[in-house]
Amino acid sequence: MHKLTAVAHRGDPYRVRENTIGSLRAALDQGADAVEIDVRLTRDGVPVLLHDDTLKRLWEHDRPLLSLSADEVRGLTDGRVPTLAEALEATGGKDGGSRLMLDLPGTREARVARRVVDVVREHGAQDRVYYCAGATTMLAVREADPSAEIALTWTSLAPPRPVLLDAVKPRWLNYRFGLMDRDLADRIHADGYLVSVWTPDTRRSMRRLAAAGVDSITTNRVDVLCALRAQANGSQAPEYARGGEIA
């Protein structure tokens, strides 16, 4: 297996609730190279880790995030929904800290991207953070930070228009994994971009994508991906990374 970046989707969600500090730490302990997290703003403009636009699915409060202050979110979740600032601090370290991929779901306003970029900048984390989302959001990120590393999420086999690529200047093209094959990966590489995919969770899919030549896989089972990578490289997979076949 060629060099492959293992990205943990929302942390280690099969073991620890997604988008929490515990889930981030668990994923890094499993061997993840980076952790993908979802970032949204509260009513008072604080970036927090939450995929959905309400607290209902994970926290059993049917309250829109945009109707709540950061203090109210903290109270309703016993402090378990971290702020982006807390996530950056928790994944920092002497060696520069761990990589984080920031997904900005549902973002349509440039102010959201600006606020997220500002927090990353305030914590000196620009070199270890990169961003993923659709074209509108990534254009806003590019405007807020001309040097940002971007993974442009793309959900069509029709390639992005050159004018869009020139404006976004992505390093990665980030595809739904079912769309990816060797021909597409080769075409993207030939155009000068790295290839990332999301979110395969079976060994069979991971092996297929690695054989297709992708550079990065985002998965809910980063332990399985790290074990496959270790085995392919001829090294001993760590005990915690050995998993059975996933249905």
Foldseek 3Di string as FASTA:
>chain_A
DPAAAEEEEQAQCVVDPGQFLVRNVNRVVLPHQEYEFEWDAALVGFIWTDDDQACCPPQNDRGGRNVDHPVRVCVSRVNGTGTPLVNQVSQQDPVGGGAYEYEYPPDQDLVNLLSVVVSCVVSVNQVRYAYEDAQNSLLSNCVNPVPGAYAHEDEDPPDDDPVSCVRNVHQEHEYALVVDALVSQVVCVVVPHAYEYDEDEFPVSLVRVVVSPHRYYYYSLSLQNQCVVCVVVVHHRDPSSDDDTDD
